[in-house]
Amino acid sequence: MVSSVEFINCQSVQMQVLGKVPTISIDKTDGCQIYLSQESFDVEIVSSKSSEMNVLVPKGNGDYTEYAVPEQYKTTVVPSKGLSTMIVEKKG
């Protein structure tokens, strides 16, 4: 078990989790591929100022399903409640 993994100011980096990792931090990184293990499904991924981030989750048959980590958000003002931020999903 590793307490956390951090990528800071990286380009085109890949990592593979063989056991369990609770936290992955990605900051100012362009092009990050994260291959998870079955034991790391409860991982928390914290990202900022980064692009082209993908998480690959094992299917159980040796293949992976690839998921993109969102890069764009939309924030609006909700009167008397503050701000509301949601993911802007890319269609197509």
PDB file of N, CA and C in Angstrom:
ATOM      1  N   MET A   1       0.833  -1.176   0.000  1.00  0.00           N
ATOM      2  CA  MET A   1       0.000   0.000   0.000  1.00  0.00           C
ATOM      3  C   MET A   1       0.882   1.245   0.000  1.00  0.00           C
ATOM      4  N   VAL A   2       0.508   2.179  -0.826  1.00  0.00           N
ATOM      5  CA  VAL A   2       1.155   3.474  -0.897  1.00  0.00           C
ATOM      6  C   VAL A   2       0.157   4.495  -0.377  1.00  0.00           C
ATOM      7  N   SER A   3       0.613   5.495   0.398  1.00  0.00           N
ATOM      8  CA  SER A   3      -0.328   6.463   0.960  1.00  0.00           C
ATOM      9  C   SER A   3      -0.909   7.374  -0.106  1.00  0.00           C
ATOM     10  N   SER A   4      -0.089   7.788  -1.089  1.00  0.00           N
ATOM     11  CA  SER A   4      -0.601   8.601  -2.187  1.00  0.00           C
ATOM     12  C   SER A   4       0.442   8.652  -3.303  1.00  0.00           C
ATOM     13  N   VAL A   5      -0.031   9.048  -4.489  1.00  0.00           N
ATOM     14  CA  VAL A   5       0.845   9.254  -5.641  1.00  0.00           C
ATOM     15  C   VAL A   5       0.557  10.644  -6.158  1.00  0.00           C
ATOM     16  N   GLU A   6       1.614  11.400  -6.500  1.00  0.00           N
ATOM     17  CA  GLU A   6       1.440  12.757  -7.015  1.00  0.00           C
ATOM     18  C   GLU A   6       2.171  12.910  -8.336  1.00  0.00           C
ATOM     19  N   PHE A   7       1.486  13.571  -9.286  1.00  0.00           N
ATOM     20  CA  PHE A   7       2.106  13.985 -10.534  1.00  0.00           C
ATOM     21  C   PHE A   7       2.035  15.502 -10.574  1.00  0.00           C
ATOM     22  N   ILE A   8       3.176  16.161 -10.670  1.00  0.00           N
ATOM     23  CA  ILE A   8       3.219  17.625 -10.705  1.00  0.00           C
ATOM     24  C   ILE A   8       4.114  18.048 -11.869  1.00  0.00           C
ATOM     25  N   ASN A   9       3.585  18.917 -12.749  1.00  0.00           N
ATOM     26  CA  ASN A   9       4.332  19.435 -13.898  1.00  0.00           C
ATOM     27  C   ASN A   9       4.870  18.309 -14.787  1.00  0.00           C
ATOM     28  N   CYS A  10       4.023  17.332 -15.121  1.00  0.00           N
ATOM     29  CA  CYS A  10       4.443  16.208 -15.959  1.00  0.00           C
ATOM     30  C   CYS A  10       3.815  16.303 -17.345  1.00  0.00           C
ATOM     31  N   GLN A  11       4.420  15.597 -18.294  1.00  0.00           N
ATOM     32  CA  GLN A  11       3.868  15.489 -19.638  1.00  0.00           C
ATOM     33  C   GLN A  11       3.940  14.021 -20.039  1.00  0.00           C
ATOM     34  N   SER A  12       2.818  13.498 -20.545  1.00  0.00           N
ATOM     35  CA  SER A  12       2.749  12.127 -21.055  1.00  0.00           C
ATOM     36  C   SER A  12       3.287  11.111 -20.058  1.00  0.00           C
ATOM     37  N   VAL A  13       2.637  11.006 -18.920  1.00  0.00           N
ATOM     38  CA  VAL A  13       3.061  10.090 -17.865  1.00  0.00           C
ATOM     39  C   VAL A  13       2.033   8.961 -17.723  1.00  0.00           C
ATOM     40  N   GLN A  14       2.521   7.774 -17.363  1.00  0.00           N
ATOM     41  CA  GLN A  14       1.652   6.624 -17.121  1.00  0.00           C
ATOM     42  C   GLN A  14       2.029   5.994 -15.796  1.00  0.00           C
ATOM     43  N   MET A  15       1.030   5.423 -15.118  1.00  0.00           N
ATOM     44  CA  MET A  15       1.295   4.673 -13.898  1.00  0.00           C
ATOM     45  C   MET A  15       0.354   3.487 -13.827  1.00  0.00           C
ATOM     46  N   GLN A  16       0.788   2.445 -13.166  1.00  0.00           N
ATOM     47  CA  GLN A  16      -0.053   1.271 -12.967  1.00  0.00           C
ATOM     48  C   GLN A  16      -0.039   0.914 -11.491  1.00  0.00           C
ATOM     49  N   VAL A  17      -1.233   0.790 -10.935  1.00  0.00           N
ATOM     50  CA  VAL A  17      -1.381   0.403  -9.535  1.00  0.00           C
ATOM     51  C   VAL A  17      -1.485  -1.116  -9.490  1.00  0.00           C
ATOM     52  N   LEU A  18      -0.583  -1.768  -8.772  1.00  0.00           N
ATOM     53  CA  LEU A  18      -0.607  -3.222  -8.657  1.00  0.00           C
ATOM     54  C   LEU A  18      -1.336  -3.679  -7.403  1.00  0.00           C
ATOM     55  N   GLY A  19      -1.424  -2.828  -6.405  1.00  0.00           N
ATOM     56  CA  GLY A  19      -2.104  -3.156  -5.159  1.00  0.00           C
ATOM     57  C   GLY A  19      -3.194  -2.152  -4.870  1.00  0.00           C
ATOM     58  N   LYS A  20      -3.021  -1.418  -3.783  1.00  0.00           N
ATOM     59  CA  LYS A  20      -4.030  -0.439  -3.368  1.00  0.00           C
ATOM     60  C   LYS A  20      -3.375   0.920  -3.177  1.00  0.00           C
ATOM     61  N   VAL A  21      -4.041   1.963  -3.667  1.00  0.00           N
ATOM     62  CA  VAL A  21      -3.602   3.335  -3.434  1.00  0.00           C
ATOM     63  C   VAL A  21      -4.851   4.162  -3.117  1.00  0.00           C
ATOM     64  N   PRO A  22      -4.872   4.884  -2.002  1.00  0.00           N
ATOM     65  CA  PRO A  22      -6.074   5.623  -1.629  1.00  0.00           C
ATOM     66  C   PRO A  22      -6.242   6.956  -2.366  1.00  0.00           C
ATOM     67  N   THR A  23      -5.118   7.632  -2.727  1.00  0.00           N
ATOM     68  CA  THR A  23      -5.213   8.962  -3.324  1.00  0.00           C
ATOM     69  C   THR A  23      -4.194   9.130  -4.445  1.00  0.00           C
ATOM     70  N   ILE A  24      -4.678   9.716  -5.556  1.00  0.00           N
ATOM     71  CA  ILE A  24      -3.794  10.107  -6.652  1.00  0.00           C
ATOM     72  C   ILE A  24      -4.037  11.587  -6.897  1.00  0.00           C
ATOM     73  N   SER A  25      -2.959  12.381  -6.898  1.00  0.00           N
ATOM     74  CA  SER A  25      -3.049  13.817  -7.103  1.00  0.00           C
ATOM     75  C   SER A  25      -2.359  14.170  -8.415  1.00  0.00           C
ATOM     76  N   ILE A  26      -3.066  14.934  -9.269  1.00  0.00           N
ATOM     77  CA  ILE A  26      -2.530  15.339 -10.568  1.00  0.00           C
ATOM     78  C   ILE A  26      -2.614  16.857 -10.638  1.00  0.00           C
ATOM     79  N   ASP A  27      -1.458  17.526 -10.793  1.00  0.00           N
ATOM     80  CA  ASP A  27      -1.411  18.984 -10.807  1.00  0.00           C
ATOM     81  C   ASP A  27      -0.518  19.459 -11.949  1.00  0.00           C
ATOM     82  N   LYS A  28      -1.043  20.337 -12.786  1.00  0.00           N
ATOM     83  CA  LYS A  28      -0.295  20.919 -13.906  1.00  0.00           C
ATOM     84  C   LYS A  28       0.332  19.845 -14.783  1.00  0.00           C
ATOM     85  N   THR A  29      -0.449  18.847 -15.142  1.00  0.00           N
ATOM     86  CA  THR A  29       0.039  17.717 -15.927  1.00  0.00           C
ATOM     87  C   THR A  29      -0.795  17.570 -17.194  1.00  0.00           C
ATOM     88  N   ASP A  30      -0.132  17.341 -18.315  1.00  0.00           N
ATOM     89  CA  ASP A  30      -0.801  17.124 -19.592  1.00  0.00           C
ATOM     90  C   ASP A  30      -0.489  15.717 -20.082  1.00  0.00           C
ATOM     91  N   GLY A  31      -1.515  14.895 -20.164  1.00  0.00           N
ATOM     92  CA  GLY A  31      -1.348  13.527 -20.632  1.00  0.00           C
ATOM     93  C   GLY A  31      -0.993  12.579 -19.515  1.00  0.00           C
ATOM     94  N   CYS A  32      -2.003  12.053 -18.821  1.00  0.00           N
ATOM     95  CA  CYS A  32      -1.791  11.154 -17.690  1.00  0.00           C
ATOM     96  C   CYS A  32      -2.685   9.928 -17.845  1.00  0.00           C
ATOM     97  N   GLN A  33      -2.082   8.745 -17.880  1.00  0.00           N
ATOM     98  CA  GLN A  33      -2.818   7.483 -17.959  1.00  0.00           C
ATOM     99  C   GLN A  33      -2.635   6.744 -16.633  1.00  0.00           C
ATOM    100  N   ILE A  34      -3.742   6.394 -15.990  1.00  0.00           N
ATOM    101  CA  ILE A  34      -3.689   5.702 -14.706  1.00  0.00           C
ATOM    102  C   ILE A  34      -4.369   4.351 -14.856  1.00  0.00           C
ATOM    103  N   TYR A  35      -3.606   3.276 -14.712  1.00  0.00           N
ATOM    104  CA  TYR A  35      -4.144   1.917 -14.755  1.00  0.00           C
ATOM    105  C   TYR A  35      -4.387   1.464 -13.321  1.00  0.00           C
ATOM    106  N   LEU A  36      -5.642   1.233 -12.980  1.00  0.00           N
ATOM    107  CA  LEU A  36      -5.985   0.820 -11.611  1.00  0.00           C
ATOM    108  C   LEU A  36      -6.002  -0.696 -11.481  1.00  0.00           C
ATOM    109  N   SER A  37      -5.900  -1.159 -10.247  1.00  0.00           N
ATOM    110  CA  SER A  37      -6.087  -2.568  -9.925  1.00  0.00           C
ATOM    111  C   SER A  37      -7.483  -2.743  -9.332  1.00  0.00           C
ATOM    112  N   GLN A  38      -7.924  -3.968  -9.206  1.00  0.00           N
ATOM    113  CA  GLN A  38      -9.232  -4.254  -8.592  1.00  0.00           C
ATOM    114  C   GLN A  38      -9.295  -3.708  -7.163  1.00  0.00           C
ATOM    115  N   GLU A  39      -8.169  -3.742  -6.447  1.00  0.00           N
ATOM    116  CA  GLU A  39      -8.132  -3.298  -5.051  1.00  0.00           C
ATOM    117  C   GLU A  39      -8.224  -1.782  -4.902  1.00  0.00           C
ATOM    118  N   SER A  40      -8.064  -1.030  -5.992  1.00  0.00           N
ATOM    119  CA  SER A  40      -8.033   0.435  -5.910  1.00  0.00           C
ATOM    120  C   SER A  40      -9.283   1.111  -6.451  1.00  0.00           C
ATOM    121  N   PHE A  41     -10.389   0.406  -6.498  1.00  0.00           N
ATOM    122  CA  PHE A  41     -11.628   1.003  -7.007  1.00  0.00           C
ATOM    123  C   PHE A  41     -12.136   2.144  -6.132  1.00  0.00           C
ATOM    124  N   ASP A  42     -11.714   2.222  -4.884  1.00  0.00           N
ATOM    125  CA  ASP A  42     -12.176   3.292  -3.999  1.00  0.00           C
ATOM    126  C   ASP A  42     -11.194   4.469  -3.954  1.00  0.00           C
ATOM    127  N   VAL A  43     -10.325   4.577  -4.949  1.00  0.00           N
ATOM    128  CA  VAL A  43      -9.327   5.640  -5.011  1.00  0.00           C
ATOM    129  C   VAL A  43      -9.992   7.009  -5.162  1.00  0.00           C
ATOM    130  N   GLU A  44      -9.372   8.037  -4.606  1.00  0.00           N
ATOM    131  CA  GLU A  44      -9.792   9.420  -4.828  1.00  0.00           C
ATOM    132  C   GLU A  44      -8.759  10.070  -5.730  1.00  0.00           C
ATOM    133  N   ILE A  45      -9.215  10.637  -6.845  1.00  0.00           N
ATOM    134  CA  ILE A  45      -8.329  11.311  -7.780  1.00  0.00           C
ATOM    135  C   ILE A  45      -8.618  12.802  -7.707  1.00  0.00           C
ATOM    136  N   VAL A  46      -7.602  13.578  -7.313  1.00  0.00           N
ATOM    137  CA  VAL A  46      -7.732  15.021  -7.187  1.00  0.00           C
ATOM    138  C   VAL A  46      -6.878  15.652  -8.284  1.00  0.00           C
ATOM    139  N   SER A  47      -7.514  16.473  -9.137  1.00  0.00           N
ATOM    140  CA  SER A  47      -6.763  17.066 -10.244  1.00  0.00           C
ATOM    141  C   SER A  47      -7.006  18.567 -10.318  1.00  0.00           C
ATOM    142  N   SER A  48      -5.977  19.289 -10.799  1.00  0.00           N
ATOM    143  CA  SER A  48      -6.109  20.723 -11.030  1.00  0.00           C
ATOM    144  C   SER A  48      -5.140  21.138 -12.127  1.00  0.00           C
ATOM    145  N   LYS A  49      -5.590  22.087 -12.959  1.00  0.00           N
ATOM    146  CA  LYS A  49      -4.776  22.648 -14.037  1.00  0.00           C
ATOM    147  C   LYS A  49      -4.156  21.567 -14.914  1.00  0.00           C
ATOM    148  N   SER A  50      -4.898  20.495 -15.198  1.00  0.00           N
ATOM    149  CA  SER A  50      -4.377  19.376 -15.965  1.00  0.00           C
ATOM    150  C   SER A  50      -5.307  19.039 -17.117  1.00  0.00           C
ATOM    151  N   SER A  51      -4.764  18.344 -18.133  1.00  0.00           N
ATOM    152  CA  SER A  51      -5.564  17.944 -19.287  1.00  0.00           C
ATOM    153  C   SER A  51      -5.185  16.540 -19.726  1.00  0.00           C
ATOM    154  N   GLU A  52      -6.030  15.955 -20.556  1.00  0.00           N
ATOM    155  CA  GLU A  52      -5.810  14.624 -21.126  1.00  0.00           C
ATOM    156  C   GLU A  52      -5.542  13.578 -20.053  1.00  0.00           C
ATOM    157  N   MET A  53      -6.425  13.505 -19.049  1.00  0.00           N
ATOM    158  CA  MET A  53      -6.285  12.541 -17.968  1.00  0.00           C
ATOM    159  C   MET A  53      -7.260  11.397 -18.198  1.00  0.00           C
ATOM    160  N   ASN A  54      -6.758  10.161 -18.130  1.00  0.00           N
ATOM    161  CA  ASN A  54      -7.592   8.983 -18.328  1.00  0.00           C
ATOM    162  C   ASN A  54      -7.330   7.975 -17.218  1.00  0.00           C
ATOM    163  N   VAL A  55      -8.412   7.344 -16.761  1.00  0.00           N
ATOM    164  CA  VAL A  55      -8.318   6.283 -15.772  1.00  0.00           C
ATOM    165  C   VAL A  55      -8.772   5.005 -16.452  1.00  0.00           C
ATOM    166  N   LEU A  56      -7.948   3.970 -16.370  1.00  0.00           N
ATOM    167  CA  LEU A  56      -8.272   2.686 -16.975  1.00  0.00           C
ATOM    168  C   LEU A  56      -8.593   1.696 -15.868  1.00  0.00           C
ATOM    169  N   VAL A  57      -9.807   1.145 -15.926  1.00  0.00           N
ATOM    170  CA  VAL A  57     -10.329   0.267 -14.885  1.00  0.00           C
ATOM    171  C   VAL A  57     -10.377  -1.156 -15.427  1.00  0.00           C
ATOM    172  N   PRO A  58      -9.807  -2.143 -14.696  1.00  0.00           N
ATOM    173  CA  PRO A  58      -9.802  -3.514 -15.202  1.00  0.00           C
ATOM    174  C   PRO A  58     -11.205  -4.115 -15.248  1.00  0.00           C
ATOM    175  N   LYS A  59     -11.464  -4.876 -16.318  1.00  0.00           N
ATOM    176  CA  LYS A  59     -12.757  -5.549 -16.481  1.00  0.00           C
ATOM    177  C   LYS A  59     -12.790  -6.907 -15.787  1.00  0.00           C
ATOM    178  N   GLY A  60     -11.639  -7.506 -15.570  1.00  0.00           N
ATOM    179  CA  GLY A  60     -11.604  -8.829 -14.956  1.00  0.00           C
ATOM    180  C   GLY A  60     -11.134  -9.889 -15.936  1.00  0.00           C
ATOM    181  N   ASN A  61     -11.187  -9.580 -17.233  1.00  0.00           N
ATOM    182  CA  ASN A  61     -10.748 -10.542 -18.248  1.00  0.00           C
ATOM    183  C   ASN A  61      -9.397 -10.144 -18.843  1.00  0.00           C
ATOM    184  N   GLY A  62      -8.691  -9.202 -18.197  1.00  0.00           N
ATOM    185  CA  GLY A  62      -7.409  -8.735 -18.693  1.00  0.00           C
ATOM    186  C   GLY A  62      -7.496  -7.444 -19.484  1.00  0.00           C
ATOM    187  N   ASP A  63      -8.696  -7.069 -19.899  1.00  0.00           N
ATOM    188  CA  ASP A  63      -8.899  -5.821 -20.627  1.00  0.00           C
ATOM    189  C   ASP A  63      -9.245  -4.698 -19.649  1.00  0.00           C
ATOM    190  N   TYR A  64      -9.160  -3.466 -20.146  1.00  0.00           N
ATOM    191  CA  TYR A  64      -9.477  -2.286 -19.348  1.00  0.00           C
ATOM    192  C   TYR A  64     -10.559  -1.467 -20.028  1.00  0.00           C
ATOM    193  N   THR A  65     -11.348  -0.773 -19.218  1.00  0.00           N
ATOM    194  CA  THR A  65     -12.287   0.230 -19.711  1.00  0.00           C
ATOM    195  C   THR A  65     -11.681   1.587 -19.390  1.00  0.00           C
ATOM    196  N   GLU A  66     -11.624   2.463 -20.412  1.00  0.00           N
ATOM    197  CA  GLU A  66     -10.991   3.761 -20.246  1.00  0.00           C
ATOM    198  C   GLU A  66     -12.025   4.850 -19.996  1.00  0.00           C
ATOM    199  N   TYR A  67     -11.781   5.673 -18.978  1.00  0.00           N
ATOM    200  CA  TYR A  67     -12.656   6.785 -18.632  1.00  0.00           C
ATOM    201  C   TYR A  67     -11.830   8.073 -18.615  1.00  0.00           C
ATOM    202  N   ALA A  68     -12.364   9.116 -19.212  1.00  0.00           N
ATOM    203  CA  ALA A  68     -11.688  10.415 -19.195  1.00  0.00           C
ATOM    204  C   ALA A  68     -12.064  11.173 -17.929  1.00  0.00           C
ATOM    205  N   VAL A  69     -11.082  11.811 -17.302  1.00  0.00           N
ATOM    206  CA  VAL A  69     -11.331  12.666 -16.146  1.00  0.00           C
ATOM    207  C   VAL A  69     -11.736  14.036 -16.701  1.00  0.00           C
ATOM    208  N   PRO A  70     -12.853  14.589 -16.252  1.00  0.00           N
ATOM    209  CA  PRO A  70     -13.333  15.875 -16.787  1.00  0.00           C
ATOM    210  C   PRO A  70     -12.316  16.996 -16.615  1.00  0.00           C
ATOM    211  N   GLU A  71     -12.228  17.841 -17.648  1.00  0.00           N
ATOM    212  CA  GLU A  71     -11.309  18.981 -17.629  1.00  0.00           C
ATOM    213  C   GLU A  71     -12.044  20.312 -17.562  1.00  0.00           C
ATOM    214  N   GLN A  72     -13.324  20.313 -17.963  1.00  0.00           N
ATOM    215  CA  GLN A  72     -14.062  21.572 -18.018  1.00  0.00           C
ATOM    216  C   GLN A  72     -15.243  21.549 -17.050  1.00  0.00           C
ATOM    217  N   TYR A  73     -15.466  22.709 -16.421  1.00  0.00           N
ATOM    218  CA  TYR A  73     -16.554  22.876 -15.464  1.00  0.00           C
ATOM    219  C   TYR A  73     -17.291  24.170 -15.762  1.00  0.00           C
ATOM    220  N   LYS A  74     -18.544  24.207 -15.374  1.00  0.00           N
ATOM    221  CA  LYS A  74     -19.338  25.430 -15.503  1.00  0.00           C
ATOM    222  C   LYS A  74     -19.828  25.815 -14.116  1.00  0.00           C
ATOM    223  N   THR A  75     -19.576  27.057 -13.730  1.00  0.00           N
ATOM    224  CA  THR A  75     -20.005  27.547 -12.416  1.00  0.00           C
ATOM    225  C   THR A  75     -21.020  28.662 -12.607  1.00  0.00           C
ATOM    226  N   THR A  76     -22.117  28.566 -11.868  1.00  0.00           N
ATOM    227  CA  THR A  76     -23.160  29.591 -11.906  1.00  0.00           C
ATOM    228  C   THR A  76     -23.457  30.037 -10.478  1.00  0.00           C
ATOM    229  N   VAL A  77     -24.050  31.223 -10.376  1.00  0.00           N
ATOM    230  CA  VAL A  77     -24.438  31.756  -9.070  1.00  0.00           C
ATOM    231  C   VAL A  77     -25.865  31.319  -8.779  1.00  0.00           C
ATOM    232  N   VAL A  78     -26.061  30.739  -7.603  1.00  0.00           N
ATOM    233  CA  VAL A  78     -27.388  30.352  -7.141  1.00  0.00           C
ATOM    234  C   VAL A  78     -27.761  31.333  -6.039  1.00  0.00           C
ATOM    235  N   PRO A  79     -28.730  32.226  -6.314  1.00  0.00           N
ATOM    236  CA  PRO A  79     -29.080  33.251  -5.328  1.00  0.00           C
ATOM    237  C   PRO A  79     -29.367  32.654  -3.947  1.00  0.00           C
ATOM    238  N   SER A  80     -28.814  33.257  -2.952  1.00  0.00           N
ATOM    239  CA  SER A  80     -28.932  32.925  -1.526  1.00  0.00           C
ATOM    240  C   SER A  80     -28.332  31.568  -1.159  1.00  0.00           C
ATOM    241  N   LYS A  81     -27.674  30.874  -2.113  1.00  0.00           N
ATOM    242  CA  LYS A  81     -27.035  29.596  -1.789  1.00  0.00           C
ATOM    243  C   LYS A  81     -25.546  29.586  -2.108  1.00  0.00           C
ATOM    244  N   GLY A  82     -25.095  30.470  -2.988  1.00  0.00           N
ATOM    245  CA  GLY A  82     -23.672  30.503  -3.331  1.00  0.00           C
ATOM    246  C   GLY A  82     -23.435  30.090  -4.771  1.00  0.00           C
ATOM    247  N   LEU A  83     -22.415  29.279  -4.981  1.00  0.00           N
ATOM    248  CA  LEU A  83     -22.047  28.843  -6.321  1.00  0.00           C
ATOM    249  C   LEU A  83     -22.436  27.391  -6.557  1.00  0.00           C
ATOM    250  N   SER A  84     -22.733  27.086  -7.812  1.00  0.00           N
ATOM    251  CA  SER A  84     -23.011  25.715  -8.226  1.00  0.00           C
ATOM    252  C   SER A  84     -22.074  25.383  -9.380  1.00  0.00           C
ATOM    253  N   THR A  85     -21.281  24.331  -9.217  1.00  0.00           N
ATOM    254  CA  THR A  85     -20.319  23.928 -10.238  1.00  0.00           C
ATOM    255  C   THR A  85     -20.658  22.534 -10.726  1.00  0.00           C
ATOM    256  N   MET A  86     -20.689  22.392 -12.058  1.00  0.00           N
ATOM    257  CA  MET A  86     -20.973  21.073 -12.639  1.00  0.00           C
ATOM    258  C   MET A  86     -20.031  20.800 -13.802  1.00  0.00           C
ATOM    259  N   ILE A  87     -19.894  19.554 -14.130  1.00  0.00           N
ATOM    260  CA  ILE A  87     -19.024  19.105 -15.214  1.00  0.00           C
ATOM    261  C   ILE A  87     -19.675  19.459 -16.535  1.00  0.00           C
ATOM    262  N   VAL A  88     -18.880  19.966 -17.482  1.00  0.00           N
ATOM    263  CA  VAL A  88     -19.342  20.189 -18.844  1.00  0.00           C
ATOM    264  C   VAL A  88     -18.900  18.956 -19.623  1.00  0.00           C
ATOM    265  N   GLU A  89     -19.869  18.119 -19.994  1.00  0.00           N
ATOM    266  CA  GLU A  89     -19.547  16.887 -20.700  1.00  0.00           C
ATOM    267  C   GLU A  89     -19.426  17.133 -22.186  1.00  0.00           C
ATOM    268  N   LYS A  90     -18.457  16.481 -22.768  1.00  0.00           N
ATOM    269  CA  LYS A  90     -18.233  16.597 -24.205  1.00  0.00           C
ATOM    270  C   LYS A  90     -19.093  15.533 -24.899  1.00  0.00           C
ATOM    271  N   LYS A  91     -19.888  15.949 -25.835  1.00  0.00           N
ATOM    272  CA  LYS A  91     -20.763  15.020 -26.568  1.00  0.00           C
ATOM    273  C   LYS A  91     -20.160  14.746 -27.934  1.00  0.00           C
ATOM    274  N   GLY A  92     -20.351  13.498 -28.378  1.00  0.00           N
ATOM    275  CA  GLY A  92     -19.931  13.186 -29.729  1.00  0.00           C
ATOM    276  C   GLY A  92     -18.751  12.398 -29.821  1.00  0.00           C
TER     277      GLY A  92
END
